[in-house]
PDB file of N, CA and C in Angstrom:
ATOM      1  N   UNK A   1     -14.408 -20.971  -6.531  1.00  0.00           N
ATOM      2  CA  UNK A   1     -14.969 -22.279  -6.835  1.00  0.00           C
ATOM      3  C   UNK A   1     -15.430 -22.912  -5.527  1.00  0.00           C
ATOM      4  N   UNK A   2     -16.703 -23.209  -5.436  1.00  0.00           N
ATOM      5  CA  UNK A   2     -17.208 -23.865  -4.237  1.00  0.00           C
ATOM      6  C   UNK A   2     -17.267 -25.367  -4.477  1.00  0.00           C
ATOM      7  N   UNK A   3     -16.994 -26.101  -3.442  1.00  0.00           N
ATOM      8  CA  UNK A   3     -17.026 -27.554  -3.560  1.00  0.00           C
ATOM      9  C   UNK A   3     -18.380 -28.079  -3.104  1.00  0.00           C
ATOM     10  N   UNK A   4     -18.951 -28.948  -3.902  1.00  0.00           N
ATOM     11  CA  UNK A   4     -20.212 -29.599  -3.551  1.00  0.00           C
ATOM     12  C   UNK A   4     -19.935 -30.669  -2.508  1.00  0.00           C
ATOM     13  N   UNK A   5     -20.747 -30.720  -1.469  1.00  0.00           N
ATOM     14  CA  UNK A   5     -20.561 -31.816  -0.520  1.00  0.00           C
ATOM     15  C   UNK A   5     -20.970 -33.138  -1.163  1.00  0.00           C
ATOM     16  N   UNK A   6     -20.264 -34.165  -0.797  1.00  0.00           N
ATOM     17  CA  UNK A   6     -20.610 -35.488  -1.324  1.00  0.00           C
ATOM     18  C   UNK A   6     -21.928 -35.956  -0.737  1.00  0.00           C
ATOM     19  N   UNK A   7     -22.725 -36.582  -1.565  1.00  0.00           N
ATOM     20  CA  UNK A   7     -23.936 -37.219  -1.064  1.00  0.00           C
ATOM     21  C   UNK A   7     -23.583 -38.626  -0.621  1.00  0.00           C
ATOM     22  N   UNK A   8     -24.392 -39.151   0.284  1.00  0.00           N
ATOM     23  CA  UNK A   8     -24.178 -40.515   0.764  1.00  0.00           C
ATOM     24  C   UNK A   8     -24.454 -41.492  -0.366  1.00  0.00           C
ATOM     25  N   UNK A   9     -23.527 -42.395  -0.609  1.00  0.00           N
ATOM     26  CA  UNK A   9     -23.683 -43.393  -1.655  1.00  0.00           C
ATOM     27  C   UNK A   9     -23.565 -44.777  -1.041  1.00  0.00           C
ATOM     28  N   UNK A  10     -24.254 -45.730  -1.642  1.00  0.00           N
ATOM     29  CA  UNK A  10     -24.104 -47.133  -1.287  1.00  0.00           C
ATOM     30  C   UNK A  10     -23.410 -47.802  -2.449  1.00  0.00           C
ATOM     31  N   UNK A  11     -22.273 -48.402  -2.168  1.00  0.00           N
ATOM     32  CA  UNK A  11     -21.519 -49.107  -3.200  1.00  0.00           C
ATOM     33  C   UNK A  11     -21.283 -50.523  -2.702  1.00  0.00           C
ATOM     34  N   UNK A  12     -21.741 -51.490  -3.508  1.00  0.00           N
ATOM     35  CA  UNK A  12     -21.553 -52.891  -3.144  1.00  0.00           C
ATOM     36  C   UNK A  12     -20.705 -53.566  -4.210  1.00  0.00           C
ATOM     37  N   UNK A  13     -19.745 -54.329  -3.753  1.00  0.00           N
ATOM     38  CA  UNK A  13     -18.862 -55.053  -4.661  1.00  0.00           C
ATOM     39  C   UNK A  13     -19.125 -56.543  -4.484  1.00  0.00           C
ATOM     40  N   UNK A  14     -19.527 -57.194  -5.567  1.00  0.00           N
ATOM     41  CA  UNK A  14     -19.874 -58.607  -5.502  1.00  0.00           C
ATOM     42  C   UNK A  14     -18.769 -59.520  -6.015  1.00  0.00           C
ATOM     43  N   UNK A  15     -17.747 -58.963  -6.636  1.00  0.00           N
ATOM     44  CA  UNK A  15     -16.665 -59.789  -7.158  1.00  0.00           C
ATOM     45  C   UNK A  15     -15.560 -59.928  -6.118  1.00  0.00           C
ATOM     46  N   UNK A  16     -14.831 -61.028  -6.154  1.00  0.00           N
ATOM     47  CA  UNK A  16     -13.730 -61.183  -5.193  1.00  0.00           C
ATOM     48  C   UNK A  16     -12.594 -60.213  -5.489  1.00  0.00           C
ATOM     49  N   UNK A  17     -11.946 -59.744  -4.447  1.00  0.00           N
ATOM     50  CA  UNK A  17     -10.772 -58.879  -4.584  1.00  0.00           C
ATOM     51  C   UNK A  17      -9.976 -58.953  -3.286  1.00  0.00           C
ATOM     52  N   UNK A  18      -8.906 -58.208  -3.218  1.00  0.00           N
ATOM     53  CA  UNK A  18      -8.151 -58.152  -1.966  1.00  0.00           C
ATOM     54  C   UNK A  18      -8.993 -57.399  -0.942  1.00  0.00           C
ATOM     55  N   UNK A  19      -8.973 -57.836   0.308  1.00  0.00           N
ATOM     56  CA  UNK A  19      -9.894 -57.285   1.309  1.00  0.00           C
ATOM     57  C   UNK A  19      -9.942 -55.767   1.445  1.00  0.00           C
ATOM     58  N   UNK A  20      -8.832 -55.051   1.323  1.00  0.00           N
ATOM     59  CA  UNK A  20      -8.879 -53.606   1.538  1.00  0.00           C
ATOM     60  C   UNK A  20      -8.626 -52.769   0.291  1.00  0.00           C
ATOM     61  N   UNK A  21      -8.375 -53.398  -0.852  1.00  0.00           N
ATOM     62  CA  UNK A  21      -8.017 -52.629  -2.037  1.00  0.00           C
ATOM     63  C   UNK A  21      -9.149 -51.741  -2.535  1.00  0.00           C
ATOM     64  N   UNK A  22     -10.345 -52.258  -2.623  1.00  0.00           N
ATOM     65  CA  UNK A  22     -11.462 -51.477  -3.141  1.00  0.00           C
ATOM     66  C   UNK A  22     -11.865 -50.368  -2.192  1.00  0.00           C
ATOM     67  N   UNK A  23     -11.853 -50.646  -0.894  1.00  0.00           N
ATOM     68  CA  UNK A  23     -12.223 -49.630   0.084  1.00  0.00           C
ATOM     69  C   UNK A  23     -11.252 -48.457   0.039  1.00  0.00           C
ATOM     70  N   UNK A  24      -9.975 -48.739  -0.091  1.00  0.00           N
ATOM     71  CA  UNK A  24      -8.979 -47.676  -0.132  1.00  0.00           C
ATOM     72  C   UNK A  24      -9.181 -46.787  -1.359  1.00  0.00           C
ATOM     73  N   UNK A  25      -9.447 -47.411  -2.503  1.00  0.00           N
ATOM     74  CA  UNK A  25      -9.677 -46.633  -3.724  1.00  0.00           C
ATOM     75  C   UNK A  25     -10.935 -45.793  -3.589  1.00  0.00           C
ATOM     76  N   UNK A  26     -11.968 -46.340  -3.007  1.00  0.00           N
ATOM     77  CA  UNK A  26     -13.232 -45.635  -2.838  1.00  0.00           C
ATOM     78  C   UNK A  26     -13.093 -44.451  -1.881  1.00  0.00           C
ATOM     79  N   UNK A  27     -12.375 -44.631  -0.795  1.00  0.00           N
ATOM     80  CA  UNK A  27     -12.255 -43.594   0.228  1.00  0.00           C
ATOM     81  C   UNK A  27     -11.640 -42.310  -0.328  1.00  0.00           C
ATOM     82  N   UNK A  28     -10.801 -42.435  -1.331  1.00  0.00           N
ATOM     83  CA  UNK A  28     -10.196 -41.238  -1.909  1.00  0.00           C
ATOM     84  C   UNK A  28     -11.192 -40.472  -2.778  1.00  0.00           C
ATOM     85  N   UNK A  29     -12.213 -41.132  -3.266  1.00  0.00           N
ATOM     86  CA  UNK A  29     -13.202 -40.480  -4.132  1.00  0.00           C
ATOM     87  C   UNK A  29     -14.377 -39.881  -3.362  1.00  0.00           C
ATOM     88  N   UNK A  30     -14.885 -40.607  -2.388  1.00  0.00           N
ATOM     89  CA  UNK A  30     -16.035 -40.137  -1.627  1.00  0.00           C
ATOM     90  C   UNK A  30     -15.955 -40.687  -0.199  1.00  0.00           C
ATOM     91  N   UNK A  31     -15.483 -39.875   0.720  1.00  0.00           N
ATOM     92  CA  UNK A  31     -15.325 -40.349   2.090  1.00  0.00           C
ATOM     93  C   UNK A  31     -16.654 -40.641   2.794  1.00  0.00           C
ATOM     94  N   UNK A  32     -17.779 -40.202   2.232  1.00  0.00           N
ATOM     95  CA  UNK A  32     -19.087 -40.449   2.837  1.00  0.00           C
ATOM     96  C   UNK A  32     -19.771 -41.703   2.305  1.00  0.00           C
ATOM     97  N   UNK A  33     -19.120 -42.401   1.389  1.00  0.00           N
ATOM     98  CA  UNK A  33     -19.751 -43.575   0.781  1.00  0.00           C
ATOM     99  C   UNK A  33     -19.802 -44.737   1.767  1.00  0.00           C
ATOM    100  N   UNK A  34     -20.865 -45.489   1.681  1.00  0.00           N
ATOM    101  CA  UNK A  34     -21.013 -46.727   2.440  1.00  0.00           C
ATOM    102  C   UNK A  34     -20.616 -47.848   1.495  1.00  0.00           C
ATOM    103  N   UNK A  35     -19.538 -48.530   1.811  1.00  0.00           N
ATOM    104  CA  UNK A  35     -19.016 -49.584   0.957  1.00  0.00           C
ATOM    105  C   UNK A  35     -19.222 -50.930   1.621  1.00  0.00           C
ATOM    106  N   UNK A  36     -19.756 -51.881   0.869  1.00  0.00           N
ATOM    107  CA  UNK A  36     -19.943 -53.243   1.352  1.00  0.00           C
ATOM    108  C   UNK A  36     -19.332 -54.189   0.340  1.00  0.00           C
ATOM    109  N   UNK A  37     -18.402 -55.005   0.793  1.00  0.00           N
ATOM    110  CA  UNK A  37     -17.909 -56.066  -0.074  1.00  0.00           C
ATOM    111  C   UNK A  37     -18.799 -57.276   0.190  1.00  0.00           C
ATOM    112  N   UNK A  38     -19.338 -57.859  -0.862  1.00  0.00           N
ATOM    113  CA  UNK A  38     -20.296 -58.949  -0.691  1.00  0.00           C
ATOM    114  C   UNK A  38     -20.115 -60.009  -1.767  1.00  0.00           C
ATOM    115  N   UNK A  39     -18.964 -60.710  -1.749  1.00  0.00           N
ATOM    116  CA  UNK A  39     -18.808 -61.780  -2.724  1.00  0.00           C
ATOM    117  C   UNK A  39     -19.861 -62.855  -2.520  1.00  0.00           C
ATOM    118  N   UNK A  40     -20.101 -63.622  -3.559  1.00  0.00           N
ATOM    119  CA  UNK A  40     -21.196 -64.587  -3.535  1.00  0.00           C
ATOM    120  C   UNK A  40     -20.699 -66.026  -3.568  1.00  0.00           C
ATOM    121  N   UNK A  41     -21.563 -66.905  -3.146  1.00  0.00           N
ATOM    122  CA  UNK A  41     -21.355 -68.340  -3.260  1.00  0.00           C
ATOM    123  C   UNK A  41     -22.609 -68.913  -3.902  1.00  0.00           C
ATOM    124  N   UNK A  42     -22.423 -69.820  -4.823  1.00  0.00           N
ATOM    125  CA  UNK A  42     -23.573 -70.437  -5.469  1.00  0.00           C
ATOM    126  C   UNK A  42     -23.389 -70.596  -6.962  1.00  0.00           C
ATOM    127  N   UNK A  43     -22.444 -69.877  -7.534  1.00  0.00           N
ATOM    128  CA  UNK A  43     -22.132 -70.016  -8.951  1.00  0.00           C
ATOM    129  C   UNK A  43     -23.267 -69.629  -9.874  1.00  0.00           C
ATOM    130  N   UNK A  44     -23.136 -70.055 -11.121  1.00  0.00           N
ATOM    131  CA  UNK A  44     -24.134 -69.740 -12.145  1.00  0.00           C
ATOM    132  C   UNK A  44     -25.509 -70.318 -11.781  1.00  0.00           C
ATOM    133  N   UNK A  45     -25.573 -71.587 -11.317  1.00  0.00           N
ATOM    134  CA  UNK A  45     -26.899 -72.100 -10.939  1.00  0.00           C
ATOM    135  C   UNK A  45     -27.560 -71.252  -9.842  1.00  0.00           C
ATOM    136  N   UNK A  46     -26.781 -70.788  -8.883  1.00  0.00           N
ATOM    137  CA  UNK A  46     -27.331 -69.938  -7.830  1.00  0.00           C
ATOM    138  C   UNK A  46     -27.830 -68.607  -8.359  1.00  0.00           C
ATOM    139  N   UNK A  47     -27.116 -68.062  -9.330  1.00  0.00           N
ATOM    140  CA  UNK A  47     -27.543 -66.795  -9.930  1.00  0.00           C
ATOM    141  C   UNK A  47     -28.835 -66.977 -10.731  1.00  0.00           C
ATOM    142  N   UNK A  48     -28.892 -68.047 -11.509  1.00  0.00           N
ATOM    143  CA  UNK A  48     -30.076 -68.312 -12.323  1.00  0.00           C
ATOM    144  C   UNK A  48     -31.302 -68.573 -11.442  1.00  0.00           C
ATOM    145  N   UNK A  49     -31.105 -69.334 -10.376  1.00  0.00           N
ATOM    146  CA  UNK A  49     -32.218 -69.720  -9.502  1.00  0.00           C
ATOM    147  C   UNK A  49     -32.430 -68.774  -8.315  1.00  0.00           C
ATOM    148  N   UNK A  50     -31.655 -67.709  -8.268  1.00  0.00           N
ATOM    149  CA  UNK A  50     -31.721 -66.727  -7.172  1.00  0.00           C
ATOM    150  C   UNK A  50     -31.570 -67.403  -5.802  1.00  0.00           C
ATOM    151  N   UNK A  51     -30.543 -68.246  -5.706  1.00  0.00           N
ATOM    152  CA  UNK A  51     -30.252 -68.929  -4.446  1.00  0.00           C
ATOM    153  C   UNK A  51     -28.847 -68.617  -3.952  1.00  0.00           C
ATOM    154  N   UNK A  52     -28.291 -67.515  -4.402  1.00  0.00           N
ATOM    155  CA  UNK A  52     -26.941 -67.134  -3.992  1.00  0.00           C
ATOM    156  C   UNK A  52     -26.873 -66.845  -2.496  1.00  0.00           C
ATOM    157  N   UNK A  53     -25.698 -67.030  -1.948  1.00  0.00           N
ATOM    158  CA  UNK A  53     -25.414 -66.598  -0.582  1.00  0.00           C
ATOM    159  C   UNK A  53     -24.397 -65.466  -0.668  1.00  0.00           C
ATOM    160  N   UNK A  54     -24.670 -64.365   0.016  1.00  0.00           N
ATOM    161  CA  UNK A  54     -23.783 -63.204   0.017  1.00  0.00           C
ATOM    162  C   UNK A  54     -23.040 -63.156   1.342  1.00  0.00           C
ATOM    163  N   UNK A  55     -21.720 -62.995   1.271  1.00  0.00           N
ATOM    164  CA  UNK A  55     -20.884 -62.865   2.457  1.00  0.00           C
ATOM    165  C   UNK A  55     -20.516 -61.383   2.571  1.00  0.00           C
ATOM    166  N   UNK A  56     -21.300 -60.656   3.349  1.00  0.00           N
ATOM    167  CA  UNK A  56     -21.208 -59.194   3.361  1.00  0.00           C
ATOM    168  C   UNK A  56     -20.219 -58.675   4.395  1.00  0.00           C
ATOM    169  N   UNK A  57     -19.298 -57.871   3.925  1.00  0.00           N
ATOM    170  CA  UNK A  57     -18.349 -57.202   4.809  1.00  0.00           C
ATOM    171  C   UNK A  57     -18.970 -55.932   5.351  1.00  0.00           C
ATOM    172  N   UNK A  58     -19.822 -56.102   6.353  1.00  0.00           N
ATOM    173  CA  UNK A  58     -20.482 -54.974   7.013  1.00  0.00           C
ATOM    174  C   UNK A  58     -21.115 -55.480   8.302  1.00  0.00           C
ATOM    175  N   UNK A  59     -21.512 -54.553   9.145  1.00  0.00           N
ATOM    176  CA  UNK A  59     -22.139 -54.936  10.403  1.00  0.00           C
ATOM    177  C   UNK A  59     -23.564 -55.432  10.172  1.00  0.00           C
ATOM    178  N   UNK A  60     -24.117 -56.120  11.171  1.00  0.00           N
ATOM    179  CA  UNK A  60     -25.509 -56.574  11.094  1.00  0.00           C
ATOM    180  C   UNK A  60     -26.458 -55.387  10.985  1.00  0.00           C
ATOM    181  N   UNK A  61     -26.110 -54.283  11.665  1.00  0.00           N
ATOM    182  CA  UNK A  61     -26.946 -53.082  11.631  1.00  0.00           C
ATOM    183  C   UNK A  61     -26.976 -52.464  10.232  1.00  0.00           C
ATOM    184  N   UNK A  62     -25.845 -52.529   9.528  1.00  0.00           N
ATOM    185  CA  UNK A  62     -25.790 -52.004   8.167  1.00  0.00           C
ATOM    186  C   UNK A  62     -26.526 -52.929   7.211  1.00  0.00           C
ATOM    187  N   UNK A  63     -26.385 -54.231   7.415  1.00  0.00           N
ATOM    188  CA  UNK A  63     -26.992 -55.214   6.526  1.00  0.00           C
ATOM    189  C   UNK A  63     -28.514 -55.257   6.634  1.00  0.00           C
ATOM    190  N   UNK A  64     -29.029 -55.112   7.822  1.00  0.00           N
ATOM    191  CA  UNK A  64     -30.455 -55.298   8.076  1.00  0.00           C
ATOM    192  C   UNK A  64     -31.365 -54.509   7.131  1.00  0.00           C
ATOM    193  N   UNK A  65     -31.194 -53.193   6.953  1.00  0.00           N
ATOM    194  CA  UNK A  65     -32.104 -52.469   6.055  1.00  0.00           C
ATOM    195  C   UNK A  65     -31.880 -52.785   4.567  1.00  0.00           C
ATOM    196  N   UNK A  66     -30.786 -53.459   4.249  1.00  0.00           N
ATOM    197  CA  UNK A  66     -30.473 -53.783   2.854  1.00  0.00           C
ATOM    198  C   UNK A  66     -30.835 -55.221   2.494  1.00  0.00           C
ATOM    199  N   UNK A  67     -31.346 -55.962   3.459  1.00  0.00           N
ATOM    200  CA  UNK A  67     -31.605 -57.379   3.244  1.00  0.00           C
ATOM    201  C   UNK A  67     -32.546 -57.655   2.072  1.00  0.00           C
ATOM    202  N   UNK A  68     -33.569 -56.833   1.894  1.00  0.00           N
ATOM    203  CA  UNK A  68     -34.503 -57.061   0.779  1.00  0.00           C
ATOM    204  C   UNK A  68     -33.799 -56.919  -0.574  1.00  0.00           C
ATOM    205  N   UNK A  69     -32.818 -56.053  -0.649  1.00  0.00           N
ATOM    206  CA  UNK A  69     -32.039 -55.901  -1.878  1.00  0.00           C
ATOM    207  C   UNK A  69     -31.270 -57.188  -2.179  1.00  0.00           C
ATOM    208  N   UNK A  70     -30.642 -57.743  -1.160  1.00  0.00           N
ATOM    209  CA  UNK A  70     -29.914 -58.998  -1.340  1.00  0.00           C
ATOM    210  C   UNK A  70     -30.871 -60.141  -1.702  1.00  0.00           C
ATOM    211  N   UNK A  71     -32.052 -60.154  -1.090  1.00  0.00           N
ATOM    212  CA  UNK A  71     -32.999 -61.243  -1.327  1.00  0.00           C
ATOM    213  C   UNK A  71     -33.583 -61.220  -2.745  1.00  0.00           C
ATOM    214  N   UNK A  72     -33.463 -60.103  -3.437  1.00  0.00           N
ATOM    215  CA  UNK A  72     -33.869 -60.054  -4.849  1.00  0.00           C
ATOM    216  C   UNK A  72     -32.942 -60.903  -5.713  1.00  0.00           C
ATOM    217  N   UNK A  73     -31.736 -61.128  -5.226  1.00  0.00           N
ATOM    218  CA  UNK A  73     -30.728 -61.838  -6.007  1.00  0.00           C
ATOM    219  C   UNK A  73     -30.366 -63.198  -5.432  1.00  0.00           C
ATOM    220  N   UNK A  74     -30.714 -63.439  -4.185  1.00  0.00           N
ATOM    221  CA  UNK A  74     -30.295 -64.692  -3.564  1.00  0.00           C
ATOM    222  C   UNK A  74     -31.202 -65.102  -2.427  1.00  0.00           C
ATOM    223  N   UNK A  75     -30.714 -66.049  -1.633  1.00  0.00           N
ATOM    224  CA  UNK A  75     -31.537 -66.551  -0.533  1.00  0.00           C
ATOM    225  C   UNK A  75     -30.981 -66.231   0.845  1.00  0.00           C
ATOM    226  N   UNK A  76     -29.717 -65.774   0.903  1.00  0.00           N
ATOM    227  CA  UNK A  76     -29.117 -65.531   2.209  1.00  0.00           C
ATOM    228  C   UNK A  76     -28.050 -64.441   2.104  1.00  0.00           C
ATOM    229  N   UNK A  77     -28.033 -63.573   3.094  1.00  0.00           N
ATOM    230  CA  UNK A  77     -26.975 -62.569   3.217  1.00  0.00           C
ATOM    231  C   UNK A  77     -26.464 -62.650   4.650  1.00  0.00           C
ATOM    232  N   UNK A  78     -25.175 -62.862   4.794  1.00  0.00           N
ATOM    233  CA  UNK A  78     -24.562 -63.053   6.106  1.00  0.00           C
ATOM    234  C   UNK A  78     -23.610 -61.910   6.378  1.00  0.00           C
ATOM    235  N   UNK A  79     -23.749 -61.274   7.535  1.00  0.00           N
ATOM    236  CA  UNK A  79     -22.813 -60.238   7.950  1.00  0.00           C
ATOM    237  C   UNK A  79     -21.538 -60.917   8.443  1.00  0.00           C
ATOM    238  N   UNK A  80     -20.420 -60.564   7.823  1.00  0.00           N
ATOM    239  CA  UNK A  80     -19.134 -61.173   8.193  1.00  0.00           C
ATOM    240  C   UNK A  80     -18.272 -60.238   9.032  1.00  0.00           C
ATOM    241  N   UNK A  81     -18.751 -59.036   9.315  1.00  0.00           N
ATOM    242  CA  UNK A  81     -17.971 -58.087  10.112  1.00  0.00           C
ATOM    243  C   UNK A  81     -17.620 -56.852   9.318  1.00  0.00           C
ATOM    244  N   UNK A  82     -16.457 -56.310   9.559  1.00  0.00           N
ATOM    245  CA  UNK A  82     -16.036 -55.053   8.945  1.00  0.00           C
ATOM    246  C   UNK A  82     -15.817 -55.218   7.441  1.00  0.00           C
ATOM    247  N   UNK A  83     -15.726 -54.092   6.746  1.00  0.00           N
ATOM    248  CA  UNK A  83     -15.459 -54.107   5.310  1.00  0.00           C
ATOM    249  C   UNK A  83     -14.175 -54.893   5.059  1.00  0.00           C
ATOM    250  N   UNK A  84     -14.231 -55.780   4.095  1.00  0.00           N
ATOM    251  CA  UNK A  84     -13.104 -56.653   3.781  1.00  0.00           C
ATOM    252  C   UNK A  84     -13.322 -58.072   4.291  1.00  0.00           C
ATOM    253  N   UNK A  85     -14.170 -58.212   5.308  1.00  0.00           N
ATOM    254  CA  UNK A  85     -14.419 -59.536   5.891  1.00  0.00           C
ATOM    255  C   UNK A  85     -15.186 -60.453   4.948  1.00  0.00           C
ATOM    256  N   UNK A  86     -15.988 -59.881   4.076  1.00  0.00           N
ATOM    257  CA  UNK A  86     -16.686 -60.701   3.083  1.00  0.00           C
ATOM    258  C   UNK A  86     -15.692 -61.386   2.156  1.00  0.00           C
ATOM    259  N   UNK A  87     -14.647 -60.654   1.790  1.00  0.00           N
ATOM    260  CA  UNK A  87     -13.605 -61.229   0.927  1.00  0.00           C
ATOM    261  C   UNK A  87     -12.875 -62.365   1.643  1.00  0.00           C
ATOM    262  N   UNK A  88     -12.588 -62.163   2.915  1.00  0.00           N
ATOM    263  CA  UNK A  88     -11.901 -63.194   3.712  1.00  0.00           C
ATOM    264  C   UNK A  88     -12.791 -64.435   3.824  1.00  0.00           C
ATOM    265  N   UNK A  89     -14.082 -64.237   4.061  1.00  0.00           N
ATOM    266  CA  UNK A  89     -15.014 -65.359   4.150  1.00  0.00           C
ATOM    267  C   UNK A  89     -15.074 -66.118   2.825  1.00  0.00           C
ATOM    268  N   UNK A  90     -15.034 -65.402   1.714  1.00  0.00           N
ATOM    269  CA  UNK A  90     -15.062 -66.039   0.393  1.00  0.00           C
ATOM    270  C   UNK A  90     -13.822 -66.908   0.188  1.00  0.00           C
ATOM    271  N   UNK A  91     -12.662 -66.405   0.571  1.00  0.00           N
ATOM    272  CA  UNK A  91     -11.420 -67.185   0.452  1.00  0.00           C
ATOM    273  C   UNK A  91     -11.521 -68.453   1.294  1.00  0.00           C
ATOM    274  N   UNK A  92     -12.020 -68.322   2.524  1.00  0.00           N
ATOM    275  CA  UNK A  92     -12.182 -69.493   3.400  1.00  0.00           C
ATOM    276  C   UNK A  92     -13.163 -70.486   2.793  1.00  0.00           C
ATOM    277  N   UNK A  93     -14.249 -69.996   2.231  1.00  0.00           N
ATOM    278  CA  UNK A  93     -15.234 -70.851   1.572  1.00  0.00           C
ATOM    279  C   UNK A  93     -14.586 -71.630   0.425  1.00  0.00           C
ATOM    280  N   UNK A  94     -13.781 -70.936  -0.380  1.00  0.00           N
ATOM    281  CA  UNK A  94     -13.112 -71.594  -1.502  1.00  0.00           C
ATOM    282  C   UNK A  94     -12.086 -72.625  -1.018  1.00  0.00           C
ATOM    283  N   UNK A  95     -11.386 -72.312   0.072  1.00  0.00           N
ATOM    284  CA  UNK A  95     -10.432 -73.267   0.637  1.00  0.00           C
ATOM    285  C   UNK A  95     -11.130 -74.541   1.083  1.00  0.00           C
ATOM    286  N   UNK A  96     -12.246 -74.387   1.777  1.00  0.00           N
ATOM    287  CA  UNK A  96     -12.998 -75.550   2.248  1.00  0.00           C
ATOM    288  C   UNK A  96     -13.486 -76.377   1.063  1.00  0.00           C
ATOM    289  N   UNK A  97     -13.975 -75.709   0.026  1.00  0.00           N
ATOM    290  CA  UNK A  97     -14.436 -76.406  -1.170  1.00  0.00           C
ATOM    291  C   UNK A  97     -13.287 -77.165  -1.820  1.00  0.00           C
ATOM    292  N   UNK A  98     -12.133 -76.538  -1.930  1.00  0.00           N
ATOM    293  CA  UNK A  98     -10.963 -77.186  -2.530  1.00  0.00           C
ATOM    294  C   UNK A  98     -10.495 -78.392  -1.736  1.00  0.00           C
ATOM    295  N   UNK A  99     -10.472 -78.263  -0.420  1.00  0.00           N
ATOM    296  CA  UNK A  99     -10.073 -79.378   0.442  1.00  0.00           C
ATOM    297  C   UNK A  99     -11.059 -80.532   0.298  1.00  0.00           C
ATOM    298  N   UNK A 100     -12.350 -80.216   0.272  1.00  0.00           N
ATOM    299  CA  UNK A 100     -13.375 -81.261   0.117  1.00  0.00           C
ATOM    300  C   UNK A 100     -13.237 -81.974  -1.221  1.00  0.00           C
ATOM    301  N   UNK A 101     -13.008 -81.216  -2.289  1.00  0.00           N
ATOM    302  CA  UNK A 101     -12.852 -81.821  -3.607  1.00  0.00           C
ATOM    303  C   UNK A 101     -11.612 -82.722  -3.655  1.00  0.00           C
ATOM    304  N   UNK A 102     -10.533 -82.283  -3.029  1.00  0.00           N
ATOM    305  CA  UNK A 102      -9.312 -83.083  -2.979  1.00  0.00           C
ATOM    306  C   UNK A 102      -9.548 -84.376  -2.206  1.00  0.00           C
ATOM    307  N   UNK A 103     -10.227 -84.279  -1.079  1.00  0.00           N
ATOM    308  CA  UNK A 103     -10.503 -85.459  -0.256  1.00  0.00           C
ATOM    309  C   UNK A 103     -11.351 -86.474  -1.019  1.00  0.00           C
ATOM    310  N   UNK A 104     -12.378 -86.014  -1.715  1.00  0.00           N
ATOM    311  CA  UNK A 104     -13.233 -86.919  -2.493  1.00  0.00           C
ATOM    312  C   UNK A 104     -12.423 -87.568  -3.608  1.00  0.00           C
ATOM    313  N   UNK A 105     -11.598 -86.788  -4.277  1.00  0.00           N
ATOM    314  CA  UNK A 105     -10.774 -87.309  -5.357  1.00  0.00           C
ATOM    315  C   UNK A 105      -9.801 -88.365  -4.850  1.00  0.00           C
ATOM    316  N   UNK A 106      -9.148 -88.096  -3.720  1.00  0.00           N
ATOM    317  CA  UNK A 106      -8.218 -89.060  -3.143  1.00  0.00           C
ATOM    318  C   UNK A 106      -8.930 -90.327  -2.700  1.00  0.00           C
ATOM    319  N   UNK A 107     -10.115 -90.188  -2.105  1.00  0.00           N
ATOM    320  CA  UNK A 107     -10.874 -91.352  -1.671  1.00  0.00           C
ATOM    321  C   UNK A 107     -11.293 -92.208  -2.861  1.00  0.00           C
ATOM    322  N   UNK A 108     -11.718 -91.563  -3.936  1.00  0.00           N
ATOM    323  CA  UNK A 108     -12.116 -92.303  -5.125  1.00  0.00           C
ATOM    324  C   UNK A 108     -10.911 -93.018  -5.734  1.00  0.00           C
ATOM    325  N   UNK A 109      -9.799 -92.318  -5.816  1.00  0.00           N
ATOM    326  CA  UNK A 109      -8.572 -92.906  -6.370  1.00  0.00           C
ATOM    327  C   UNK A 109      -8.114 -94.088  -5.507  1.00  0.00           C
ATOM    328  N   UNK A 110      -8.183 -93.945  -4.206  1.00  0.00           N
ATOM    329  CA  UNK A 110      -7.765 -95.000  -3.280  1.00  0.00           C
ATOM    330  C   UNK A 110      -8.693 -96.224  -3.390  1.00  0.00           C
ATOM    331  N   UNK A 111      -9.970 -95.981  -3.616  1.00  0.00           N
ATOM    332  CA  UNK A 111     -10.916 -97.104  -3.704  1.00  0.00           C
ATOM    333  C   UNK A 111     -10.702 -97.936  -4.966  1.00  0.00           C
ATOM    334  N   UNK A 112     -10.089 -97.355  -5.963  1.00  0.00           N
ATOM    335  CA  UNK A 112      -9.823 -98.081  -7.220  1.00  0.00           C
ATOM    336  C   UNK A 112      -8.555 -98.929  -7.144  1.00  0.00           C
ATOM    337  N   UNK A 113      -7.723 -98.662  -6.151  1.00  0.00           N
ATOM    338  CA  UNK A 113      -6.461 -99.413  -6.091  1.00  0.00           C
ATOM    339  C   UNK A 113      -6.520-100.601  -5.177  1.00  0.00           C
TER     340      UNK A 113
END
């Protein structure tokens, strides 16, 4: 039985997950695959209007030739560093959003008293 060599694959994950979980699972299946974690910011309105921002866990050199692919779905793709960094950036983005929402809510509540 001869083994077929793996072909190079591009796999992009747009949903949030733990930073290294998907890469570890992928590496066992195809060690030659190029994996990019690229969670999005912009929600449903961003998806409908193609104004999403992608936080890509890959180098600038890896992102550059793929930019047109991202631009079909959104308006910005940012290289966040190594695989998994896109997930970390997404968590930070959500934290900032949560803190801002809390601050606005507290300010509004305080102004009523």
